[in-house]
C-alpha atoms as a PDB file:
ATOM      1  CA  UNK A   1      54.484  57.234 -31.947  1.00  0.00           C
ATOM      2  CA  UNK A   2      50.778  57.850 -31.483  1.00  0.00           C
ATOM      3  CA  UNK A   3      50.185  55.158 -34.182  1.00  0.00           C
ATOM      4  CA  UNK A   4      52.238  52.416 -32.314  1.00  0.00           C
ATOM      5  CA  UNK A   5      50.505  53.309 -28.934  1.00  0.00           C
ATOM      6  CA  UNK A   6      47.170  53.050 -30.537  1.00  0.00           C
ATOM      7  CA  UNK A   7      47.923  49.621 -32.060  1.00  0.00           C
ATOM      8  CA  UNK A   8      49.162  48.409 -28.506  1.00  0.00           C
ATOM      9  CA  UNK A   9      45.777  49.664 -27.133  1.00  0.00           C
ATOM     10  CA  UNK A  10      43.705  47.893 -29.708  1.00  0.00           C
ATOM     11  CA  UNK A  11      45.642  44.663 -29.278  1.00  0.00           C
ATOM     12  CA  UNK A  12      45.074  44.833 -25.407  1.00  0.00           C
ATOM     13  CA  UNK A  13      41.384  45.452 -25.867  1.00  0.00           C
ATOM     14  CA  UNK A  14      41.121  42.621 -28.209  1.00  0.00           C
ATOM     15  CA  UNK A  15      42.850  40.226 -25.778  1.00  0.00           C
ATOM     16  CA  UNK A  16      40.441  41.515 -23.177  1.00  0.00           C
ATOM     17  CA  UNK A  17      37.546  40.675 -25.221  1.00  0.00           C
ATOM     18  CA  UNK A  18      38.881  37.172 -25.955  1.00  0.00           C
ATOM     19  CA  UNK A  19      39.542  36.560 -22.294  1.00  0.00           C
ATOM     20  CA  UNK A  20      36.165  37.717 -21.150  1.00  0.00           C
ATOM     21  CA  UNK A  21      34.436  35.621 -23.910  1.00  0.00           C
ATOM     22  CA  UNK A  22      36.347  32.547 -22.527  1.00  0.00           C
ATOM     23  CA  UNK A  23      35.704  33.164 -18.739  1.00  0.00           C
ATOM     24  CA  UNK A  24      32.250  34.611 -18.790  1.00  0.00           C
ATOM     25  CA  UNK A  25      30.459  31.085 -19.321  1.00  0.00           C
ATOM     26  CA  UNK A  26      32.533  29.760 -16.492  1.00  0.00           C
ATOM     27  CA  UNK A  27      31.787  32.712 -14.207  1.00  0.00           C
ATOM     28  CA  UNK A  28      28.097  32.403 -14.973  1.00  0.00           C
ATOM     29  CA  UNK A  29      27.913  28.625 -14.009  1.00  0.00           C
ATOM     30  CA  UNK A  30      29.955  29.423 -10.701  1.00  0.00           C
ATOM     31  CA  UNK A  31      27.454  32.063  -9.802  1.00  0.00           C
ATOM     32  CA  UNK A  32      24.600  29.455 -10.337  1.00  0.00           C
ATOM     33  CA  UNK A  33      26.137  26.805  -8.291  1.00  0.00           C
ATOM     34  CA  UNK A  34      25.705  28.336  -4.872  1.00  0.00           C
ATOM     35  CA  UNK A  35      22.043  28.895  -5.640  1.00  0.00           C
ATOM     36  CA  UNK A  36      21.297  25.336  -6.644  1.00  0.00           C
ATOM     37  CA  UNK A  37      23.360  23.565  -4.074  1.00  0.00           C
ATOM     38  CA  UNK A  38      21.303  24.655  -0.962  1.00  0.00           C
ATOM     39  CA  UNK A  39      17.847  23.835  -2.787  1.00  0.00           C
ATOM     40  CA  UNK A  40      19.185  20.311  -3.380  1.00  0.00           C
ATOM     41  CA  UNK A  41      20.587  19.761   0.071  1.00  0.00           C
ATOM     42  CA  UNK A  42      17.677  21.263   1.866  1.00  0.00           C
ATOM     43  CA  UNK A  43      15.096  18.781  -0.227  1.00  0.00           C
ATOM     44  CA  UNK A  44      17.257  15.803   0.506  1.00  0.00           C
ATOM     45  CA  UNK A  45      17.552  16.656   4.319  1.00  0.00           C
ATOM     46  CA  UNK A  46      13.787  17.148   4.460  1.00  0.00           C
ATOM     47  CA  UNK A  47      13.330  13.680   2.734  1.00  0.00           C
ATOM     48  CA  UNK A  48      15.675  12.104   5.180  1.00  0.00           C
ATOM     49  CA  UNK A  49      13.807  13.537   8.246  1.00  0.00           C
ATOM     50  CA  UNK A  50      10.270  12.847   7.056  1.00  0.00           C
ATOM     51  CA  UNK A  51      10.673   9.614   5.075  1.00  0.00           C
ATOM     52  CA  UNK A  52      12.030   6.183   6.337  1.00  0.00           C
ATOM     53  CA  UNK A  53      14.876   4.855   4.512  1.00  0.00           C
ATOM     54  CA  UNK A  54      14.039   2.209   1.820  1.00  0.00           C
ATOM     55  CA  UNK A  55      17.244   0.400   2.177  1.00  0.00           C
ATOM     56  CA  UNK A  56      17.162  -2.257   4.838  1.00  0.00           C
ATOM     57  CA  UNK A  57      19.888  -4.634   5.118  1.00  0.00           C
ATOM     58  CA  UNK A  58      17.923  -7.157   7.289  1.00  0.00           C
ATOM     59  CA  UNK A  59      15.459  -7.798   4.444  1.00  0.00           C
ATOM     60  CA  UNK A  60      15.969  -9.768   1.281  1.00  0.00           C
ATOM     61  CA  UNK A  61      15.716  -8.102  -2.112  1.00  0.00           C
ATOM     62  CA  UNK A  62      12.067  -8.418  -3.560  1.00  0.00           C
ATOM     63  CA  UNK A  63      11.203  -7.701  -7.177  1.00  0.00           C
ATOM     64  CA  UNK A  64       8.766  -4.746  -6.644  1.00  0.00           C
ATOM     65  CA  UNK A  65       6.347  -3.402  -9.377  1.00  0.00           C
ATOM     66  CA  UNK A  66       5.943   0.397  -9.498  1.00  0.00           C
ATOM     67  CA  UNK A  67       3.776   2.409 -11.787  1.00  0.00           C
ATOM     68  CA  UNK A  68       4.868   5.329 -13.487  1.00  0.00           C
ATOM     69  CA  UNK A  69       3.539   7.196 -16.796  1.00  0.00           C
ATOM     70  CA  UNK A  70       3.477   5.427 -20.037  1.00  0.00           C
ATOM     71  CA  UNK A  71       4.514   8.648 -21.833  1.00  0.00           C
ATOM     72  CA  UNK A  72       1.224   8.849 -23.579  1.00  0.00           C
ATOM     73  CA  UNK A  73      -1.142  11.674 -22.980  1.00  0.00           C
ATOM     74  CA  UNK A  74      -3.932   9.465 -22.080  1.00  0.00           C
ATOM     75  CA  UNK A  75      -2.941   8.883 -18.527  1.00  0.00           C
ATOM     76  CA  UNK A  76      -2.071   5.276 -18.930  1.00  0.00           C
ATOM     77  CA  UNK A  77       0.636   3.795 -16.565  1.00  0.00           C
ATOM     78  CA  UNK A  78       3.374   1.282 -17.166  1.00  0.00           C
ATOM     79  CA  UNK A  79       4.691  -1.002 -14.555  1.00  0.00           C
ATOM     80  CA  UNK A  80       8.395  -1.024 -13.831  1.00  0.00           C
ATOM     81  CA  UNK A  81      10.294  -3.828 -11.951  1.00  0.00           C
ATOM     82  CA  UNK A  82      12.837  -2.657  -9.283  1.00  0.00           C
ATOM     83  CA  UNK A  83      14.539  -4.950  -6.577  1.00  0.00           C
ATOM     84  CA  UNK A  84      14.043  -3.440  -3.313  1.00  0.00           C
ATOM     85  CA  UNK A  85      14.831  -4.779   0.197  1.00  0.00           C
ATOM     86  CA  UNK A  86      11.152  -4.697   1.566  1.00  0.00           C
ATOM     87  CA  UNK A  87       9.760  -5.204   4.952  1.00  0.00           C
ATOM     88  CA  UNK A  88       7.161  -8.057   5.597  1.00  0.00           C
ATOM     89  CA  UNK A  89       5.213  -5.577   7.628  1.00  0.00           C
ATOM     90  CA  UNK A  90       2.548  -4.312   5.611  1.00  0.00           C
ATOM     91  CA  UNK A  91       2.410  -0.785   6.689  1.00  0.00           C
ATOM     92  CA  UNK A  92       6.120  -0.207   6.616  1.00  0.00           C
ATOM     93  CA  UNK A  93       6.186  -2.138   3.190  1.00  0.00           C
ATOM     94  CA  UNK A  94       3.726   0.596   1.843  1.00  0.00           C
ATOM     95  CA  UNK A  95       5.797   3.325   2.911  1.00  0.00           C
ATOM     96  CA  UNK A  96       9.064   1.886   1.247  1.00  0.00           C
ATOM     97  CA  UNK A  97       7.302   1.304  -2.094  1.00  0.00           C
ATOM     98  CA  UNK A  98       5.547   4.904  -1.990  1.00  0.00           C
ATOM     99  CA  UNK A  99       8.932   6.529  -1.263  1.00  0.00           C
ATOM    100  CA  UNK A 100      10.421   4.986  -4.201  1.00  0.00           C
ATOM    101  CA  UNK A 101       7.544   5.773  -6.347  1.00  0.00           C
ATOM    102  CA  UNK A 102       7.932   9.446  -5.186  1.00  0.00           C
ATOM    103  CA  UNK A 103      11.646   9.213  -6.103  1.00  0.00           C
ATOM    104  CA  UNK A 104      10.513   9.104  -9.541  1.00  0.00           C
ATOM    105  CA  UNK A 105      11.825   7.067 -12.650  1.00  0.00           C
ATOM    106  CA  UNK A 106      15.020   7.863 -14.481  1.00  0.00           C
ATOM    107  CA  UNK A 107      13.251   9.913 -17.019  1.00  0.00           C
ATOM    108  CA  UNK A 108      11.599  12.628 -15.178  1.00  0.00           C
ATOM    109  CA  UNK A 109       9.075  13.107 -18.085  1.00  0.00           C
ATOM    110  CA  UNK A 110       7.377   9.859 -16.762  1.00  0.00           C
ATOM    111  CA  UNK A 111       6.762  11.187 -13.261  1.00  0.00           C
ATOM    112  CA  UNK A 112       3.376  10.895 -11.911  1.00  0.00           C
ATOM    113  CA  UNK A 113       3.745  12.678  -8.659  1.00  0.00           C
ATOM    114  CA  UNK A 114       5.417  16.110  -8.195  1.00  0.00           C
ATOM    115  CA  UNK A 115       9.142  15.788  -7.037  1.00  0.00           C
ATOM    116  CA  UNK A 116       8.789  17.943  -4.059  1.00  0.00           C
ATOM    117  CA  UNK A 117       5.793  15.807  -2.528  1.00  0.00           C
ATOM    118  CA  UNK A 118       6.504  13.966   0.567  1.00  0.00           C
ATOM    119  CA  UNK A 119       4.897  11.005   2.295  1.00  0.00           C
ATOM    120  CA  UNK A 120       4.441  12.007   5.761  1.00  0.00           C
ATOM    121  CA  UNK A 121       2.708   8.817   7.316  1.00  0.00           C
ATOM    122  CA  UNK A 122       0.961   5.531   6.296  1.00  0.00           C
ATOM    123  CA  UNK A 123      -1.499   3.872   8.419  1.00  0.00           C
ATOM    124  CA  UNK A 124      -3.109   0.480   7.751  1.00  0.00           C
ATOM    125  CA  UNK A 125      -6.487   0.194   9.592  1.00  0.00           C
ATOM    126  CA  UNK A 126      -7.664  -3.462  10.387  1.00  0.00           C
ATOM    127  CA  UNK A 127     -10.337  -3.427   7.512  1.00  0.00           C
ATOM    128  CA  UNK A 128      -7.612  -3.132   4.866  1.00  0.00           C
ATOM    129  CA  UNK A 129      -7.939   0.921   4.484  1.00  0.00           C
ATOM    130  CA  UNK A 130      -4.619   2.362   3.864  1.00  0.00           C
ATOM    131  CA  UNK A 131      -4.373   6.005   4.835  1.00  0.00           C
ATOM    132  CA  UNK A 132      -1.605   7.893   3.032  1.00  0.00           C
ATOM    133  CA  UNK A 133      -0.715  11.354   4.144  1.00  0.00           C
ATOM    134  CA  UNK A 134       1.108  13.558   1.889  1.00  0.00           C
ATOM    135  CA  UNK A 135       2.556  16.950   2.031  1.00  0.00           C
ATOM    136  CA  UNK A 136       0.841  19.983   0.670  1.00  0.00           C
ATOM    137  CA  UNK A 137       3.058  19.858  -2.503  1.00  0.00           C
ATOM    138  CA  UNK A 138       0.915  16.787  -3.799  1.00  0.00           C
ATOM    139  CA  UNK A 139      -2.013  19.139  -4.046  1.00  0.00           C
ATOM    140  CA  UNK A 140      -0.315  22.473  -5.121  1.00  0.00           C
ATOM    141  CA  UNK A 141       2.274  20.862  -7.488  1.00  0.00           C
ATOM    142  CA  UNK A 142       0.033  18.238  -9.194  1.00  0.00           C
ATOM    143  CA  UNK A 143      -1.095  19.707 -12.659  1.00  0.00           C
ATOM    144  CA  UNK A 144      -4.644  20.694 -12.595  1.00  0.00           C
ATOM    145  CA  UNK A 145      -6.822  18.431 -14.806  1.00  0.00           C
ATOM    146  CA  UNK A 146      -8.698  15.165 -14.363  1.00  0.00           C
ATOM    147  CA  UNK A 147      -6.200  13.218 -16.365  1.00  0.00           C
ATOM    148  CA  UNK A 148      -3.078  14.255 -14.473  1.00  0.00           C
ATOM    149  CA  UNK A 149      -4.878  14.053 -11.139  1.00  0.00           C
ATOM    150  CA  UNK A 150      -6.361  10.554 -11.866  1.00  0.00           C
ATOM    151  CA  UNK A 151      -2.917   9.374 -13.117  1.00  0.00           C
ATOM    152  CA  UNK A 152      -1.387  10.362  -9.767  1.00  0.00           C
ATOM    153  CA  UNK A 153      -3.770   8.494  -7.600  1.00  0.00           C
ATOM    154  CA  UNK A 154      -3.852   5.576  -9.997  1.00  0.00           C
ATOM    155  CA  UNK A 155      -0.054   5.223  -9.722  1.00  0.00           C
ATOM    156  CA  UNK A 156      -0.296   5.058  -5.887  1.00  0.00           C
ATOM    157  CA  UNK A 157      -3.158   2.703  -5.770  1.00  0.00           C
ATOM    158  CA  UNK A 158      -1.788   0.252  -8.607  1.00  0.00           C
ATOM    159  CA  UNK A 159       1.707   0.347  -6.683  1.00  0.00           C
ATOM    160  CA  UNK A 160       0.064  -0.554  -3.440  1.00  0.00           C
ATOM    161  CA  UNK A 161      -2.019  -3.443  -5.144  1.00  0.00           C
ATOM    162  CA  UNK A 162       1.024  -4.847  -6.701  1.00  0.00           C
ATOM    163  CA  UNK A 163       3.170  -4.847  -3.550  1.00  0.00           C
ATOM    164  CA  UNK A 164       1.040  -4.869  -0.550  1.00  0.00           C
ATOM    165  CA  UNK A 165      -2.052  -7.091  -0.826  1.00  0.00           C
ATOM    166  CA  UNK A 166      -3.260  -6.307   2.640  1.00  0.00           C
ATOM    167  CA  UNK A 167      -4.348  -2.742   1.399  1.00  0.00           C
ATOM    168  CA  UNK A 168      -7.696  -3.106   0.018  1.00  0.00           C
ATOM    169  CA  UNK A 169      -8.765   0.717   0.047  1.00  0.00           C
ATOM    170  CA  UNK A 170      -6.981   3.847  -0.091  1.00  0.00           C
ATOM    171  CA  UNK A 171      -7.751   7.196   1.612  1.00  0.00           C
ATOM    172  CA  UNK A 172      -5.454  10.121   0.704  1.00  0.00           C
ATOM    173  CA  UNK A 173      -4.847  13.092   3.173  1.00  0.00           C
ATOM    174  CA  UNK A 174      -2.987  16.229   2.808  1.00  0.00           C
ATOM    175  CA  UNK A 175      -1.092  17.265   5.712  1.00  0.00           C
ATOM    176  CA  UNK A 176      -3.465  15.300   7.924  1.00  0.00           C
ATOM    177  CA  UNK A 177      -6.604  16.931   6.423  1.00  0.00           C
ATOM    178  CA  UNK A 178      -9.266  15.658   4.125  1.00  0.00           C
ATOM    179  CA  UNK A 179      -9.330  17.714   0.905  1.00  0.00           C
ATOM    180  CA  UNK A 180     -12.365  18.156  -1.387  1.00  0.00           C
ATOM    181  CA  UNK A 181     -10.091  17.658  -4.535  1.00  0.00           C
ATOM    182  CA  UNK A 182      -6.547  17.039  -5.545  1.00  0.00           C
ATOM    183  CA  UNK A 183      -5.833  19.993  -7.734  1.00  0.00           C
ATOM    184  CA  UNK A 184      -9.419  21.106  -8.436  1.00  0.00           C
ATOM    185  CA  UNK A 185     -11.154  17.978 -10.135  1.00  0.00           C
ATOM    186  CA  UNK A 186     -10.503  14.610  -8.503  1.00  0.00           C
ATOM    187  CA  UNK A 187     -12.629  13.933  -5.371  1.00  0.00           C
ATOM    188  CA  UNK A 188     -10.517  13.229  -2.330  1.00  0.00           C
ATOM    189  CA  UNK A 189     -13.550  12.893   0.091  1.00  0.00           C
ATOM    190  CA  UNK A 190     -14.007   9.360  -1.105  1.00  0.00           C
ATOM    191  CA  UNK A 191     -12.110   6.010  -0.614  1.00  0.00           C
ATOM    192  CA  UNK A 192     -10.227   4.649  -3.759  1.00  0.00           C
ATOM    193  CA  UNK A 193     -10.391   0.809  -4.372  1.00  0.00           C
ATOM    194  CA  UNK A 194      -7.107  -0.909  -4.375  1.00  0.00           C
ATOM    195  CA  UNK A 195      -7.605  -4.591  -4.197  1.00  0.00           C
ATOM    196  CA  UNK A 196     -11.283  -5.767  -4.992  1.00  0.00           C
ATOM    197  CA  UNK A 197     -10.208  -9.399  -4.595  1.00  0.00           C
ATOM    198  CA  UNK A 198     -12.378 -11.298  -1.897  1.00  0.00           C
ATOM    199  CA  UNK A 199     -10.361 -11.723   1.259  1.00  0.00           C
ATOM    200  CA  UNK A 200      -9.495 -15.507   1.905  1.00  0.00           C
ATOM    201  CA  UNK A 201     -11.696 -17.312   4.284  1.00  0.00           C
ATOM    202  CA  UNK A 202     -10.054 -18.243   7.597  1.00  0.00           C
ATOM    203  CA  UNK A 203      -9.481 -21.998   7.840  1.00  0.00           C
ATOM    204  CA  UNK A 204     -11.844 -23.934  10.149  1.00  0.00           C
ATOM    205  CA  UNK A 205     -10.055 -26.571  12.403  1.00  0.00           C
ATOM    206  CA  UNK A 206     -11.421 -30.062  11.674  1.00  0.00           C
ATOM    207  CA  UNK A 207     -13.396 -31.893  14.598  1.00  0.00           C
ATOM    208  CA  UNK A 208     -12.175 -34.940  16.431  1.00  0.00           C
ATOM    209  CA  UNK A 209     -12.196 -38.106  14.607  1.00  0.00           C
ATOM    210  CA  UNK A 210     -15.074 -40.533  15.365  1.00  0.00           C
ATOM    211  CA  UNK A 211     -14.132 -43.485  17.398  1.00  0.00           C
ATOM    212  CA  UNK A 212     -15.708 -46.772  17.904  1.00  0.00           C
ATOM    213  CA  UNK A 213     -18.084 -45.562  20.687  1.00  0.00           C
ATOM    214  CA  UNK A 214     -19.917 -42.343  20.564  1.00  0.00           C
ATOM    215  CA  UNK A 215     -21.293 -40.337  23.413  1.00  0.00           C
ATOM    216  CA  UNK A 216     -24.854 -39.839  23.744  1.00  0.00           C
ATOM    217  CA  UNK A 217     -25.947 -36.535  22.184  1.00  0.00           C
ATOM    218  CA  UNK A 218     -28.004 -34.202  24.485  1.00  0.00           C
ATOM    219  CA  UNK A 219     -28.586 -31.688  21.789  1.00  0.00           C
ATOM    220  CA  UNK A 220     -32.151 -30.627  21.141  1.00  0.00           C
ATOM    221  CA  UNK A 221     -33.903 -31.819  18.119  1.00  0.00           C
ATOM    222  CA  UNK A 222     -33.225 -30.086  14.732  1.00  0.00           C
ATOM    223  CA  UNK A 223     -35.970 -27.520  13.703  1.00  0.00           C
ATOM    224  CA  UNK A 224     -38.659 -29.221  11.554  1.00  0.00           C
ATOM    225  CA  UNK A 225     -38.066 -32.638  12.713  1.00  0.00           C
ATOM    226  CA  UNK A 226     -40.326 -34.140  15.461  1.00  0.00           C
ATOM    227  CA  UNK A 227     -38.524 -35.943  18.408  1.00  0.00           C
ATOM    228  CA  UNK A 228     -38.629 -39.598  18.184  1.00  0.00           C
ATOM    229  CA  UNK A 229     -41.231 -41.280  20.610  1.00  0.00           C
ATOM    230  CA  UNK A 230     -39.935 -43.876  22.920  1.00  0.00           C
ATOM    231  CA  UNK A 231     -42.273 -47.026  22.970  1.00  0.00           C
ATOM    232  CA  UNK A 232     -43.311 -48.320  26.390  1.00  0.00           C
ATOM    233  CA  UNK A 233     -41.422 -51.510  27.464  1.00  0.00           C
ATOM    234  CA  UNK A 234     -43.104 -54.738  26.977  1.00  0.00           C
ATOM    235  CA  UNK A 235     -44.926 -55.743  30.133  1.00  0.00           C
ATOM    236  CA  UNK A 236     -43.327 -58.920  31.946  1.00  0.00           C
ATOM    237  CA  UNK A 237     -45.321 -62.216  31.508  1.00  0.00           C
ATOM    238  CA  UNK A 238     -47.069 -63.161  34.657  1.00  0.00           C
ATOM    239  CA  UNK A 239     -47.497 -66.819  35.568  1.00  0.00           C
ATOM    240  CA  UNK A 240     -50.803 -67.972  37.027  1.00  0.00           C
ATOM    241  CA  UNK A 241     -51.326 -67.065  40.684  1.00  0.00           C
ATOM    242  CA  UNK A 242     -48.996 -64.166  40.554  1.00  0.00           C
ATOM    243  CA  UNK A 243     -50.594 -60.916  41.704  1.00  0.00           C
ATOM    244  CA  UNK A 244     -50.256 -57.931  39.252  1.00  0.00           C
ATOM    245  CA  UNK A 245     -47.347 -55.682  39.821  1.00  0.00           C
ATOM    246  CA  UNK A 246     -45.076 -58.500  40.931  1.00  0.00           C
ATOM    247  CA  UNK A 247     -42.591 -60.201  38.546  1.00  0.00           C
ATOM    248  CA  UNK A 248     -42.842 -64.014  38.177  1.00  0.00           C
ATOM    249  CA  UNK A 249     -40.164 -65.832  40.011  1.00  0.00           C
ATOM    250  CA  UNK A 250     -38.268 -68.433  38.097  1.00  0.00           C
ATOM    251  CA  UNK A 251     -39.473 -72.051  38.507  1.00  0.00           C
ATOM    252  CA  UNK A 252     -37.247 -74.128  40.639  1.00  0.00           C
ATOM    253  CA  UNK A 253     -36.525 -77.503  39.583  1.00  0.00           C
ATOM    254  CA  UNK A 254     -36.451 -80.229  42.130  1.00  0.00           C
END
């Protein structure tokens, strides 16, 4: 009797071990899900509140060019073409392409900017200086090092150059403040060149076409040229017996 009871006990314990081995991984995944879900939803909510939506049904699709890491450790970038509905207004267009750049490529290893960085605002000054204001995560989450810091700024500058030609220079702020460096190395007190191509000259309207008669010019003589001297009029021919100062009368025929 004791042997049979001991066999049933061993069988029950063995079954319990098998069931635990099957359900323990499932239970562990279920315990992790409630922790991860609020983080993702919070990040998504923050992006929706602080960033304008890239999708704009009123604008046609444009082939945008975004610059992410090439995967080589030298900090080089690779352009990637993406169809986006971009606005024609330069400042809004800059926000749209930078927000897409922040969203990152499909391969997260090619990301150039931290995933928790947010573009708070973008302003375009009349002289072509674009001011990009990022959250503090751009400075705190970017890996410290001149290569990684330079690659982050280059990806922003090259993306603006390829899609928003009105931006000629770039100034980066962190939460509205000018920082000394990005993550300890790259100087953020200076302005970065985005587009060094000369601005197109404004077109000058053509003057009125010359007609058959021209109006007399009252302009002063050009510098270095002496004004023309007007010769005195030829004196009238006097007939004999005509006092000086009086014109000769025409001779009448009988």
